[in-house]
Amino acid sequence: MLWTIFVVLVVLWLLGFTMHIGGGLIHILIVIAVIVLIYNLIAGRRGL
């Protein structure tokens, strides 16, 4: 689920660069998605 959301946000982020869709909001969302992804990767390794 997390990976799906991450991929969708990356695609929207790239579309925002090419077509100027979403303005600054998509950049904030992609930063939040990257932070959550890194946190989950680190937390997942601790659990093993």
PDB file of N, CA and C in Angstrom:
ATOM      1  N   MET A   1       0.829  -1.198   0.000  1.00  0.00           N
ATOM      2  CA  MET A   1       0.000   0.000   0.000  1.00  0.00           C
ATOM      3  C   MET A   1       0.868   1.255   0.000  1.00  0.00           C
ATOM      4  N   LEU A   2       1.869   1.258   0.860  1.00  0.00           N
ATOM      5  CA  LEU A   2       2.764   2.416   0.929  1.00  0.00           C
ATOM      6  C   LEU A   2       3.491   2.626  -0.390  1.00  0.00           C
ATOM      7  N   TRP A   3       3.934   1.532  -1.000  1.00  0.00           N
ATOM      8  CA  TRP A   3       4.661   1.650  -2.265  1.00  0.00           C
ATOM      9  C   TRP A   3       3.762   2.189  -3.371  1.00  0.00           C
ATOM     10  N   THR A   4       2.492   1.803  -3.371  1.00  0.00           N
ATOM     11  CA  THR A   4       1.557   2.304  -4.374  1.00  0.00           C
ATOM     12  C   THR A   4       1.367   3.811  -4.233  1.00  0.00           C
ATOM     13  N   ILE A   5       1.169   4.264  -3.010  1.00  0.00           N
ATOM     14  CA  ILE A   5       1.013   5.700  -2.769  1.00  0.00           C
ATOM     15  C   ILE A   5       2.285   6.446  -3.162  1.00  0.00           C
ATOM     16  N   PHE A   6       3.428   5.880  -2.830  1.00  0.00           N
ATOM     17  CA  PHE A   6       4.702   6.509  -3.160  1.00  0.00           C
ATOM     18  C   PHE A   6       4.867   6.645  -4.677  1.00  0.00           C
ATOM     19  N   VAL A   7       4.552   5.588  -5.416  1.00  0.00           N
ATOM     20  CA  VAL A   7       4.685   5.625  -6.876  1.00  0.00           C
ATOM     21  C   VAL A   7       3.724   6.649  -7.478  1.00  0.00           C
ATOM     22  N   VAL A   8       2.488   6.684  -6.986  1.00  0.00           N
ATOM     23  CA  VAL A   8       1.515   7.653  -7.500  1.00  0.00           C
ATOM     24  C   VAL A   8       1.996   9.080  -7.247  1.00  0.00           C
ATOM     25  N   LEU A   9       2.520   9.341  -6.051  1.00  0.00           N
ATOM     26  CA  LEU A   9       3.011  10.685  -5.744  1.00  0.00           C
ATOM     27  C   LEU A   9       4.214  11.062  -6.597  1.00  0.00           C
ATOM     28  N   VAL A  10       5.097  10.112  -6.863  1.00  0.00           N
ATOM     29  CA  VAL A  10       6.259  10.396  -7.714  1.00  0.00           C
ATOM     30  C   VAL A  10       5.805  10.724  -9.133  1.00  0.00           C
ATOM     31  N   VAL A  11       4.842   9.966  -9.652  1.00  0.00           N
ATOM     32  CA  VAL A  11       4.333  10.240 -10.991  1.00  0.00           C
ATOM     33  C   VAL A  11       3.688  11.626 -11.049  1.00  0.00           C
ATOM     34  N   LEU A  12       2.860  11.946 -10.041  1.00  0.00           N
ATOM     35  CA  LEU A  12       2.245  13.278 -10.005  1.00  0.00           C
ATOM     36  C   LEU A  12       3.280  14.377  -9.875  1.00  0.00           C
ATOM     37  N   TRP A  13       4.335  14.106  -9.112  1.00  0.00           N
ATOM     38  CA  TRP A  13       5.408  15.079  -8.939  1.00  0.00           C
ATOM     39  C   TRP A  13       6.113  15.345 -10.264  1.00  0.00           C
ATOM     40  N   LEU A  14       6.395  14.270 -11.007  1.00  0.00           N
ATOM     41  CA  LEU A  14       7.043  14.433 -12.309  1.00  0.00           C
ATOM     42  C   LEU A  14       6.126  15.144 -13.302  1.00  0.00           C
ATOM     43  N   LEU A  15       4.825  14.847 -13.254  1.00  0.00           N
ATOM     44  CA  LEU A  15       3.875  15.567 -14.103  1.00  0.00           C
ATOM     45  C   LEU A  15       3.813  17.042 -13.719  1.00  0.00           C
ATOM     46  N   GLY A  16       3.964  17.327 -12.450  1.00  0.00           N
ATOM     47  CA  GLY A  16       3.969  18.711 -11.991  1.00  0.00           C
ATOM     48  C   GLY A  16       5.140  19.491 -12.561  1.00  0.00           C
ATOM     49  N   PHE A  17       6.288  18.818 -12.727  1.00  0.00           N
ATOM     50  CA  PHE A  17       7.433  19.496 -13.329  1.00  0.00           C
ATOM     51  C   PHE A  17       7.211  19.762 -14.812  1.00  0.00           C
ATOM     52  N   THR A  18       6.578  18.795 -15.511  1.00  0.00           N
ATOM     53  CA  THR A  18       6.438  18.940 -16.954  1.00  0.00           C
ATOM     54  C   THR A  18       5.234  19.781 -17.350  1.00  0.00           C
ATOM     55  N   MET A  19       4.125  19.679 -16.584  1.00  0.00           N
ATOM     56  CA  MET A  19       2.899  20.378 -16.976  1.00  0.00           C
ATOM     57  C   MET A  19       2.451  21.431 -15.971  1.00  0.00           C
ATOM     58  N   HIS A  20       3.217  21.645 -14.918  1.00  0.00           N
ATOM     59  CA  HIS A  20       2.903  22.636 -13.884  1.00  0.00           C
ATOM     60  C   HIS A  20       1.534  22.381 -13.251  1.00  0.00           C
ATOM     61  N   ILE A  21       1.303  21.116 -12.852  1.00  0.00           N
ATOM     62  CA  ILE A  21       0.039  20.725 -12.214  1.00  0.00           C
ATOM     63  C   ILE A  21       0.250  20.673 -10.703  1.00  0.00           C
ATOM     64  N   GLY A  22      -0.638  21.243  -9.937  1.00  0.00           N
ATOM     65  CA  GLY A  22      -0.621  21.095  -8.490  1.00  0.00           C
ATOM     66  C   GLY A  22       0.170  22.136  -7.736  1.00  0.00           C
ATOM     67  N   GLY A  23       1.027  22.841  -8.384  1.00  0.00           N
ATOM     68  CA  GLY A  23       1.799  23.877  -7.700  1.00  0.00           C
ATOM     69  C   GLY A  23       2.702  23.321  -6.615  1.00  0.00           C
ATOM     70  N   GLY A  24       2.804  24.045  -5.503  1.00  0.00           N
ATOM     71  CA  GLY A  24       3.694  23.656  -4.414  1.00  0.00           C
ATOM     72  C   GLY A  24       3.170  22.512  -3.572  1.00  0.00           C
ATOM     73  N   LEU A  25       1.863  22.246  -3.657  1.00  0.00           N
ATOM     74  CA  LEU A  25       1.272  21.190  -2.827  1.00  0.00           C
ATOM     75  C   LEU A  25       1.873  19.831  -3.127  1.00  0.00           C
ATOM     76  N   ILE A  26       2.079  19.512  -4.384  1.00  0.00           N
ATOM     77  CA  ILE A  26       2.607  18.195  -4.738  1.00  0.00           C
ATOM     78  C   ILE A  26       4.043  18.040  -4.227  1.00  0.00           C
ATOM     79  N   HIS A  27       4.790  19.124  -4.161  1.00  0.00           N
ATOM     80  CA  HIS A  27       6.155  19.052  -3.648  1.00  0.00           C
ATOM     81  C   HIS A  27       6.156  18.757  -2.151  1.00  0.00           C
ATOM     82  N   ILE A  28       5.220  19.348  -1.432  1.00  0.00           N
ATOM     83  CA  ILE A  28       5.098  19.058   0.000  1.00  0.00           C
ATOM     84  C   ILE A  28       4.704  17.603   0.201  1.00  0.00           C
ATOM     85  N   LEU A  29       3.763  17.108  -0.606  1.00  0.00           N
ATOM     86  CA  LEU A  29       3.321  15.717  -0.494  1.00  0.00           C
ATOM     87  C   LEU A  29       4.452  14.739  -0.793  1.00  0.00           C
ATOM     88  N   ILE A  30       5.279  15.021  -1.786  1.00  0.00           N
ATOM     89  CA  ILE A  30       6.361  14.100  -2.124  1.00  0.00           C
ATOM     90  C   ILE A  30       7.413  14.082  -1.028  1.00  0.00           C
ATOM     91  N   VAL A  31       7.672  15.216  -0.395  1.00  0.00           N
ATOM     92  CA  VAL A  31       8.623  15.257   0.718  1.00  0.00           C
ATOM     93  C   VAL A  31       8.086  14.433   1.890  1.00  0.00           C
ATOM     94  N   ILE A  32       6.795  14.571   2.189  1.00  0.00           N
ATOM     95  CA  ILE A  32       6.190  13.781   3.262  1.00  0.00           C
ATOM     96  C   ILE A  32       6.253  12.294   2.921  1.00  0.00           C
ATOM     97  N   ALA A  33       5.972  11.943   1.669  1.00  0.00           N
ATOM     98  CA  ALA A  33       6.007  10.538   1.257  1.00  0.00           C
ATOM     99  C   ALA A  33       7.410   9.954   1.396  1.00  0.00           C
ATOM    100  N   VAL A  34       8.431  10.716   1.038  1.00  0.00           N
ATOM    101  CA  VAL A  34       9.809  10.235   1.169  1.00  0.00           C
ATOM    102  C   VAL A  34      10.175  10.049   2.636  1.00  0.00           C
ATOM    103  N   ILE A  35       9.767  10.976   3.493  1.00  0.00           N
ATOM    104  CA  ILE A  35      10.055  10.852   4.926  1.00  0.00           C
ATOM    105  C   ILE A  35       9.374   9.612   5.497  1.00  0.00           C
ATOM    106  N   VAL A  36       8.113   9.383   5.148  1.00  0.00           N
ATOM    107  CA  VAL A  36       7.393   8.203   5.636  1.00  0.00           C
ATOM    108  C   VAL A  36       8.033   6.925   5.103  1.00  0.00           C
ATOM    109  N   LEU A  37       8.440   6.925   3.846  1.00  0.00           N
ATOM    110  CA  LEU A  37       9.081   5.755   3.256  1.00  0.00           C
ATOM    111  C   LEU A  37      10.389   5.424   3.969  1.00  0.00           C
ATOM    112  N   ILE A  38      11.215   6.416   4.212  1.00  0.00           N
ATOM    113  CA  ILE A  38      12.484   6.191   4.914  1.00  0.00           C
ATOM    114  C   ILE A  38      12.238   5.706   6.333  1.00  0.00           C
ATOM    115  N   TYR A  39      11.263   6.285   7.001  1.00  0.00           N
ATOM    116  CA  TYR A  39      10.931   5.856   8.363  1.00  0.00           C
ATOM    117  C   TYR A  39      10.492   4.393   8.383  1.00  0.00           C
ATOM    118  N   ASN A  40       9.642   4.008   7.429  1.00  0.00           N
ATOM    119  CA  ASN A  40       9.164   2.628   7.383  1.00  0.00           C
ATOM    120  C   ASN A  40      10.287   1.653   7.036  1.00  0.00           C
ATOM    121  N   LEU A  41      11.202   2.050   6.187  1.00  0.00           N
ATOM    122  CA  LEU A  41      12.330   1.177   5.865  1.00  0.00           C
ATOM    123  C   LEU A  41      13.216   0.965   7.094  1.00  0.00           C
ATOM    124  N   ILE A  42      13.471   2.035   7.833  1.00  0.00           N
ATOM    125  CA  ILE A  42      14.300   1.933   9.036  1.00  0.00           C
ATOM    126  C   ILE A  42      13.572   1.141  10.115  1.00  0.00           C
ATOM    127  N   ALA A  43      12.301   1.432  10.332  1.00  0.00           N
ATOM    128  CA  ALA A  43      11.525   0.727  11.350  1.00  0.00           C
ATOM    129  C   ALA A  43      11.358  -0.742  10.994  1.00  0.00           C
ATOM    130  N   GLY A  44      11.228  -1.044   9.716  1.00  0.00           N
ATOM    131  CA  GLY A  44      11.095  -2.433   9.286  1.00  0.00           C
ATOM    132  C   GLY A  44      12.344  -3.239   9.530  1.00  0.00           C
ATOM    133  N   ARG A  45      13.498  -2.637   9.385  1.00  0.00           N
ATOM    134  CA  ARG A  45      14.764  -3.341   9.625  1.00  0.00           C
ATOM    135  C   ARG A  45      14.976  -3.593  11.102  1.00  0.00           C
ATOM    136  N   ARG A  46      14.507  -2.682  11.948  1.00  0.00           N
ATOM    137  CA  ARG A  46      14.632  -2.874  13.384  1.00  0.00           C
ATOM    138  C   ARG A  46      13.801  -4.052  13.861  1.00  0.00           C
ATOM    139  N   GLY A  47      12.648  -4.267  13.227  1.00  0.00           N
ATOM    140  CA  GLY A  47      11.751  -5.330  13.638  1.00  0.00           C
ATOM    141  C   GLY A  47      12.284  -6.715  13.351  1.00  0.00           C
ATOM    142  N   LEU A  48      13.242  -6.825  12.437  1.00  0.00           N
ATOM    143  CA  LEU A  48      13.774  -8.153  12.092  1.00  0.00           C
ATOM    144  C   LEU A  48      14.742  -8.606  13.072  1.00  0.00           C
TER     145      LEU A  48
END
